[in-house]
Amino acid sequence: MTYSAEYATDHPTRDEVEAIREPTVVEFGQPGCGYCQAAAPLIKAAFADFTGVVHLKLEDAKGRLLGRAFKVKQWPTLIFLQEGRGSGASGAPAERAGGARSPGENRHQGLPGRRPGGHGRQQGSVKKRF
């Protein structure tokens, strides 16, 4: 399957997603989401290199059960499910990416002990919260 340009509103169940045996990317988002629109060309380009990966592009919203089952809280969220994950894996994603950031935003911004420019406080001055 190749890249899906449109969001599907008819969702599979969690069990149906689990039954897929091919490597699969489940993408959650909204057609009107600016971050989703900005990410779409990048996601499409990535699928050009991975033609054997199934792409499920699903419209998400409050109360959508599949999105809640995967704990989706930001759009777009992409979840890669690996081939052969089996029923014993309880649907654990192999990889997960979500919540677009603006181009200049550092992934460590807002974390305790981080200062702009990537310089942290002195070693030992910040308790680890993770």
N, C-alpha and C. Protein backbone atom coordinates (compact mmCIF):
# COMPACT_ATOMS: atom_id res chain seq x y z
N MET A 1 0.84 -1.18 0.00
CA MET A 1 0.00 0.00 0.00
C MET A 1 0.89 1.24 0.00
N THR A 2 0.45 2.25 -0.64
CA THR A 2 1.21 3.49 -0.69
C THR A 2 0.62 4.52 0.24
N TYR A 3 1.16 5.70 0.17
CA TYR A 3 0.70 6.83 0.97
C TYR A 3 -0.77 7.12 0.74
N SER A 4 -1.51 7.31 1.80
CA SER A 4 -2.93 7.69 1.71
C SER A 4 -3.04 9.19 1.92
N ALA A 5 -3.56 9.89 0.94
CA ALA A 5 -3.65 11.35 1.02
C ALA A 5 -4.83 11.83 1.87
N GLU A 6 -5.90 11.07 1.91
CA GLU A 6 -7.12 11.47 2.61
C GLU A 6 -7.26 10.74 3.94
N TYR A 7 -7.84 11.44 4.91
CA TYR A 7 -8.13 10.83 6.20
C TYR A 7 -9.37 9.95 6.09
N ALA A 8 -9.29 8.74 6.59
CA ALA A 8 -10.44 7.84 6.63
C ALA A 8 -11.24 8.13 7.90
N THR A 9 -12.54 8.21 7.77
CA THR A 9 -13.39 8.42 8.95
C THR A 9 -13.95 7.10 9.46
N ASP A 10 -13.87 6.06 8.65
CA ASP A 10 -14.33 4.73 9.02
C ASP A 10 -13.13 3.97 9.58
N HIS A 11 -13.03 3.89 10.90
CA HIS A 11 -11.86 3.30 11.54
C HIS A 11 -11.98 1.80 11.70
N PRO A 12 -10.85 1.11 11.56
CA PRO A 12 -10.83 -0.31 11.94
C PRO A 12 -10.86 -0.40 13.47
N THR A 13 -11.14 -1.56 13.99
CA THR A 13 -11.08 -1.77 15.44
C THR A 13 -9.63 -2.04 15.83
N ARG A 14 -9.35 -2.00 17.09
CA ARG A 14 -8.00 -2.31 17.57
C ARG A 14 -7.62 -3.73 17.18
N ASP A 15 -8.57 -4.65 17.27
CA ASP A 15 -8.30 -6.05 16.90
C ASP A 15 -7.98 -6.16 15.41
N GLU A 16 -8.67 -5.41 14.58
CA GLU A 16 -8.40 -5.43 13.14
C GLU A 16 -7.00 -4.88 12.84
N VAL A 17 -6.61 -3.84 13.55
CA VAL A 17 -5.26 -3.29 13.37
C VAL A 17 -4.23 -4.32 13.82
N GLU A 18 -4.51 -4.99 14.92
CA GLU A 18 -3.60 -6.02 15.43
C GLU A 18 -3.46 -7.20 14.48
N ALA A 19 -4.50 -7.46 13.68
CA ALA A 19 -4.48 -8.60 12.76
C ALA A 19 -3.63 -8.34 11.51
N ILE A 20 -3.27 -7.09 11.27
CA ILE A 20 -2.44 -6.76 10.10
C ILE A 20 -1.05 -7.33 10.32
N ARG A 21 -0.55 -8.08 9.36
CA ARG A 21 0.75 -8.73 9.49
C ARG A 21 1.87 -7.95 8.81
N GLU A 22 1.55 -7.04 7.90
CA GLU A 22 2.59 -6.25 7.23
C GLU A 22 3.02 -5.10 8.14
N PRO A 23 4.24 -4.61 7.93
CA PRO A 23 4.64 -3.40 8.67
C PRO A 23 3.64 -2.29 8.35
N THR A 24 3.18 -1.60 9.38
CA THR A 24 2.08 -0.64 9.23
C THR A 24 2.38 0.65 9.98
N VAL A 25 2.05 1.78 9.34
CA VAL A 25 2.08 3.07 10.01
C VAL A 25 0.63 3.53 10.13
N VAL A 26 0.21 3.76 11.37
CA VAL A 26 -1.11 4.30 11.63
C VAL A 26 -0.91 5.78 11.93
N GLU A 27 -1.51 6.63 11.11
CA GLU A 27 -1.38 8.08 11.27
C GLU A 27 -2.71 8.64 11.76
N PHE A 28 -2.66 9.39 12.86
CA PHE A 28 -3.85 10.04 13.40
C PHE A 28 -3.70 11.54 13.21
N GLY A 29 -4.78 12.19 12.77
CA GLY A 29 -4.76 13.63 12.58
C GLY A 29 -6.13 14.14 12.18
N GLN A 30 -6.15 15.36 11.69
CA GLN A 30 -7.38 16.02 11.24
C GLN A 30 -7.10 16.77 9.95
N PRO A 31 -8.04 16.77 9.01
CA PRO A 31 -7.82 17.50 7.75
C PRO A 31 -7.58 18.99 7.96
N GLY A 32 -8.19 19.59 8.97
CA GLY A 32 -8.03 21.02 9.21
C GLY A 32 -6.85 21.39 10.11
N CYS A 33 -6.08 20.41 10.53
CA CYS A 33 -4.94 20.65 11.44
C CYS A 33 -3.75 21.18 10.64
N GLY A 34 -3.28 22.38 10.99
CA GLY A 34 -2.14 22.98 10.29
C GLY A 34 -0.88 22.16 10.39
N TYR A 35 -0.63 21.55 11.55
CA TYR A 35 0.56 20.72 11.72
C TYR A 35 0.47 19.48 10.82
N CYS A 36 -0.74 18.91 10.73
CA CYS A 36 -0.94 17.73 9.87
C CYS A 36 -0.71 18.09 8.40
N GLN A 37 -1.21 19.25 7.99
CA GLN A 37 -1.03 19.70 6.62
C GLN A 37 0.45 19.95 6.32
N ALA A 38 1.16 20.53 7.27
CA ALA A 38 2.59 20.80 7.07
C ALA A 38 3.41 19.51 7.01
N ALA A 39 3.00 18.52 7.78
CA ALA A 39 3.74 17.25 7.82
C ALA A 39 3.44 16.35 6.63
N ALA A 40 2.31 16.55 5.98
CA ALA A 40 1.87 15.65 4.90
C ALA A 40 2.91 15.45 3.80
N PRO A 41 3.56 16.50 3.26
CA PRO A 41 4.56 16.26 2.21
C PRO A 41 5.76 15.44 2.69
N LEU A 42 6.13 15.63 3.95
CA LEU A 42 7.26 14.87 4.51
C LEU A 42 6.88 13.40 4.69
N ILE A 43 5.67 13.15 5.15
CA ILE A 43 5.20 11.78 5.33
C ILE A 43 5.08 11.10 3.97
N LYS A 44 4.55 11.82 2.99
CA LYS A 44 4.41 11.27 1.64
C LYS A 44 5.78 10.91 1.07
N ALA A 45 6.76 11.77 1.26
CA ALA A 45 8.12 11.50 0.77
C ALA A 45 8.72 10.27 1.45
N ALA A 46 8.45 10.10 2.73
CA ALA A 46 8.97 8.92 3.45
C ALA A 46 8.37 7.64 2.90
N PHE A 47 7.09 7.67 2.53
CA PHE A 47 6.46 6.48 1.98
C PHE A 47 6.98 6.12 0.60
N ALA A 48 7.55 7.08 -0.11
CA ALA A 48 8.15 6.78 -1.42
C ALA A 48 9.32 5.81 -1.26
N ASP A 49 10.00 5.87 -0.11
CA ASP A 49 11.15 4.99 0.15
C ASP A 49 10.75 3.66 0.78
N PHE A 50 9.54 3.57 1.30
CA PHE A 50 9.10 2.37 2.01
C PHE A 50 7.77 1.88 1.44
N THR A 51 7.83 1.37 0.22
CA THR A 51 6.60 0.97 -0.48
C THR A 51 5.93 -0.26 0.12
N GLY A 52 6.62 -1.05 0.90
CA GLY A 52 6.03 -2.24 1.49
C GLY A 52 5.34 -1.99 2.82
N VAL A 53 5.20 -0.75 3.21
CA VAL A 53 4.60 -0.41 4.50
C VAL A 53 3.15 0.03 4.28
N VAL A 54 2.24 -0.53 5.05
CA VAL A 54 0.83 -0.16 5.00
C VAL A 54 0.65 1.18 5.71
N HIS A 55 -0.12 2.09 5.11
CA HIS A 55 -0.39 3.40 5.70
C HIS A 55 -1.88 3.53 5.98
N LEU A 56 -2.23 3.64 7.25
CA LEU A 56 -3.61 3.89 7.64
C LEU A 56 -3.68 5.33 8.15
N LYS A 57 -4.30 6.21 7.37
CA LYS A 57 -4.42 7.62 7.73
C LYS A 57 -5.83 7.83 8.26
N LEU A 58 -5.94 8.02 9.57
CA LEU A 58 -7.24 8.04 10.23
C LEU A 58 -7.55 9.40 10.84
N GLU A 59 -8.76 9.89 10.55
CA GLU A 59 -9.21 11.14 11.16
C GLU A 59 -9.50 10.89 12.63
N ASP A 60 -8.89 11.69 13.48
CA ASP A 60 -9.04 11.51 14.91
C ASP A 60 -9.83 12.67 15.49
N ALA A 61 -10.50 12.43 16.58
CA ALA A 61 -11.26 13.45 17.28
C ALA A 61 -11.56 12.93 18.68
N LYS A 62 -12.03 13.83 19.51
CA LYS A 62 -12.41 13.45 20.87
C LYS A 62 -13.44 12.33 20.79
N GLY A 63 -13.22 11.30 21.58
CA GLY A 63 -14.16 10.18 21.62
C GLY A 63 -13.89 9.08 20.61
N ARG A 64 -12.91 9.26 19.73
CA ARG A 64 -12.58 8.20 18.77
C ARG A 64 -11.82 7.11 19.52
N LEU A 65 -12.35 5.92 19.52
CA LEU A 65 -11.81 4.85 20.35
C LEU A 65 -10.42 4.39 19.95
N LEU A 66 -10.15 4.29 18.65
CA LEU A 66 -8.84 3.79 18.23
C LEU A 66 -7.74 4.77 18.63
N GLY A 67 -7.98 6.04 18.44
CA GLY A 67 -6.99 7.05 18.87
C GLY A 67 -6.74 6.99 20.37
N ARG A 68 -7.81 6.79 21.14
CA ARG A 68 -7.65 6.70 22.60
C ARG A 68 -6.91 5.41 22.97
N ALA A 69 -7.16 4.32 22.24
CA ALA A 69 -6.48 3.05 22.53
C ALA A 69 -4.97 3.18 22.35
N PHE A 70 -4.54 4.04 21.42
CA PHE A 70 -3.12 4.28 21.19
C PHE A 70 -2.61 5.50 21.94
N LYS A 71 -3.44 6.06 22.82
CA LYS A 71 -3.07 7.20 23.67
C LYS A 71 -2.63 8.42 22.85
N VAL A 72 -3.35 8.69 21.77
CA VAL A 72 -3.05 9.84 20.92
C VAL A 72 -3.52 11.10 21.63
N LYS A 73 -2.61 12.07 21.76
CA LYS A 73 -2.95 13.34 22.41
C LYS A 73 -2.61 14.54 21.55
N GLN A 74 -1.80 14.34 20.52
CA GLN A 74 -1.39 15.43 19.63
C GLN A 74 -1.46 14.94 18.19
N TRP A 75 -1.66 15.88 17.29
CA TRP A 75 -1.68 15.55 15.87
C TRP A 75 -0.54 16.24 15.16
N PRO A 76 0.00 15.67 14.14
CA PRO A 76 -0.22 14.28 13.75
C PRO A 76 0.55 13.34 14.66
N THR A 77 0.03 12.17 14.86
CA THR A 77 0.74 11.11 15.56
C THR A 77 0.84 9.93 14.61
N LEU A 78 2.06 9.43 14.45
CA LEU A 78 2.31 8.27 13.60
C LEU A 78 2.82 7.14 14.48
N ILE A 79 2.22 5.99 14.32
CA ILE A 79 2.62 4.82 15.11
C ILE A 79 3.02 3.72 14.14
N PHE A 80 4.25 3.25 14.27
CA PHE A 80 4.75 2.17 13.43
C PHE A 80 4.58 0.86 14.16
N LEU A 81 3.82 -0.03 13.53
CA LEU A 81 3.62 -1.38 14.07
C LEU A 81 4.40 -2.35 13.20
N GLN A 82 5.26 -3.11 13.85
CA GLN A 82 6.14 -4.02 13.13
C GLN A 82 5.48 -5.33 12.79
N GLU A 83 5.93 -5.91 11.70
CA GLU A 83 5.49 -7.24 11.28
C GLU A 83 5.85 -8.25 12.37
N GLY A 84 4.94 -9.18 12.60
CA GLY A 84 5.23 -10.26 13.54
C GLY A 84 5.19 -9.85 14.99
N ARG A 85 4.49 -8.74 15.28
CA ARG A 85 4.44 -8.30 16.68
C ARG A 85 3.64 -9.27 17.53
N GLY A 86 2.73 -10.02 16.90
CA GLY A 86 2.01 -11.10 17.59
C GLY A 86 1.02 -10.60 18.61
N SER A 87 0.10 -11.47 18.98
CA SER A 87 -0.94 -11.09 19.93
C SER A 87 -0.40 -10.94 21.34
N GLY A 88 0.74 -11.54 21.64
CA GLY A 88 1.32 -11.41 22.97
C GLY A 88 1.93 -10.06 23.25
N ALA A 89 2.13 -9.26 22.20
CA ALA A 89 2.76 -7.95 22.39
C ALA A 89 1.77 -6.89 22.85
N SER A 90 0.51 -7.24 22.98
CA SER A 90 -0.57 -6.35 23.39
C SER A 90 -0.60 -5.06 22.59
N GLY A 91 -0.25 -5.17 21.33
CA GLY A 91 -0.36 -4.02 20.44
C GLY A 91 0.66 -2.94 20.68
N ALA A 92 1.75 -3.25 21.33
CA ALA A 92 2.75 -2.24 21.62
C ALA A 92 3.39 -1.76 20.32
N PRO A 93 3.39 -0.46 20.10
CA PRO A 93 4.01 0.05 18.87
C PRO A 93 5.52 -0.13 18.90
N ALA A 94 6.10 -0.38 17.72
CA ALA A 94 7.54 -0.48 17.62
C ALA A 94 8.16 0.91 17.73
N GLU A 95 7.55 1.89 17.10
CA GLU A 95 8.01 3.28 17.15
C GLU A 95 6.81 4.19 17.17
N ARG A 96 7.01 5.39 17.69
CA ARG A 96 5.93 6.35 17.80
C ARG A 96 6.49 7.75 17.63
N ALA A 97 5.81 8.57 16.86
CA ALA A 97 6.20 9.97 16.70
C ALA A 97 4.93 10.79 16.70
N GLY A 98 4.95 11.90 17.40
CA GLY A 98 3.75 12.71 17.41
C GLY A 98 3.98 14.11 17.92
N GLY A 99 3.01 14.96 17.64
CA GLY A 99 3.07 16.33 18.10
C GLY A 99 4.12 17.12 17.37
N ALA A 100 3.73 17.71 16.27
CA ALA A 100 4.68 18.47 15.46
C ALA A 100 5.24 19.64 16.25
N ARG A 101 6.44 19.98 15.95
CA ARG A 101 7.11 21.13 16.56
C ARG A 101 7.38 22.16 15.48
N SER A 102 7.45 23.40 15.89
CA SER A 102 7.81 24.42 14.91
C SER A 102 9.27 24.21 14.53
N PRO A 103 9.69 24.65 13.33
CA PRO A 103 11.03 24.34 12.83
C PRO A 103 12.17 24.71 13.76
N GLY A 104 12.08 25.81 14.50
CA GLY A 104 13.20 26.21 15.36
C GLY A 104 13.13 25.68 16.77
N GLU A 105 12.09 24.92 17.09
CA GLU A 105 11.91 24.47 18.46
C GLU A 105 12.80 23.29 18.79
N ASN A 106 13.51 23.40 19.89
CA ASN A 106 14.38 22.34 20.38
C ASN A 106 13.52 21.34 21.15
N ARG A 107 13.76 20.05 20.97
CA ARG A 107 12.94 19.05 21.65
C ARG A 107 13.13 19.09 23.16
N HIS A 108 14.18 19.77 23.65
CA HIS A 108 14.43 19.85 25.09
C HIS A 108 13.87 21.14 25.69
N GLN A 109 13.28 22.02 24.86
CA GLN A 109 12.75 23.25 25.40
C GLN A 109 11.70 22.96 26.46
N GLY A 110 11.75 23.72 27.52
CA GLY A 110 10.75 23.59 28.56
C GLY A 110 11.06 22.50 29.58
N LEU A 111 12.10 21.72 29.36
CA LEU A 111 12.45 20.70 30.34
C LEU A 111 13.23 21.34 31.48
N PRO A 112 13.06 20.86 32.70
CA PRO A 112 13.79 21.43 33.82
C PRO A 112 15.29 21.33 33.61
N GLY A 113 15.99 22.38 33.95
CA GLY A 113 17.44 22.37 33.87
C GLY A 113 17.99 22.68 32.49
N ARG A 114 17.15 23.04 31.56
CA ARG A 114 17.61 23.37 30.21
C ARG A 114 17.53 24.86 29.99
N ARG A 115 18.56 25.40 29.39
CA ARG A 115 18.58 26.81 29.05
C ARG A 115 18.67 26.95 27.54
N PRO A 116 18.18 28.07 27.00
CA PRO A 116 18.32 28.27 25.56
C PRO A 116 19.78 28.10 25.14
N GLY A 117 19.98 27.52 23.99
CA GLY A 117 21.34 27.26 23.52
C GLY A 117 21.83 25.88 23.90
N GLY A 118 21.02 25.12 24.64
CA GLY A 118 21.38 23.74 24.96
C GLY A 118 22.28 23.57 26.17
N HIS A 119 22.52 24.64 26.92
CA HIS A 119 23.40 24.53 28.09
C HIS A 119 22.56 24.27 29.33
N GLY A 120 22.82 23.17 29.99
CA GLY A 120 22.08 22.82 31.19
C GLY A 120 22.71 23.45 32.42
N ARG A 121 22.04 23.31 33.55
CA ARG A 121 22.59 23.79 34.81
C ARG A 121 23.73 22.88 35.23
N GLN A 122 24.36 23.25 36.33
CA GLN A 122 25.46 22.43 36.82
C GLN A 122 24.96 21.02 37.11
N GLN A 123 25.85 20.09 36.90
CA GLN A 123 25.49 18.69 37.10
C GLN A 123 25.01 18.46 38.52
N GLY A 124 23.92 17.72 38.67
CA GLY A 124 23.40 17.38 39.98
C GLY A 124 22.41 18.39 40.54
N SER A 125 22.21 19.51 39.86
CA SER A 125 21.32 20.53 40.41
C SER A 125 19.86 20.31 40.03
N VAL A 126 19.60 19.38 39.12
CA VAL A 126 18.24 19.13 38.68
C VAL A 126 17.90 17.67 38.93
N LYS A 127 16.76 17.45 39.57
CA LYS A 127 16.32 16.07 39.79
C LYS A 127 15.70 15.55 38.51
N LYS A 128 15.98 14.32 38.21
CA LYS A 128 15.42 13.69 37.01
C LYS A 128 13.94 13.39 37.27
N ARG A 129 13.07 13.84 36.35
CA ARG A 129 11.63 13.66 36.51
C ARG A 129 11.07 12.58 35.61
N PHE A 130 11.88 11.80 34.97
CA PHE A 130 11.39 10.80 34.03
C PHE A 130 11.57 9.42 34.57
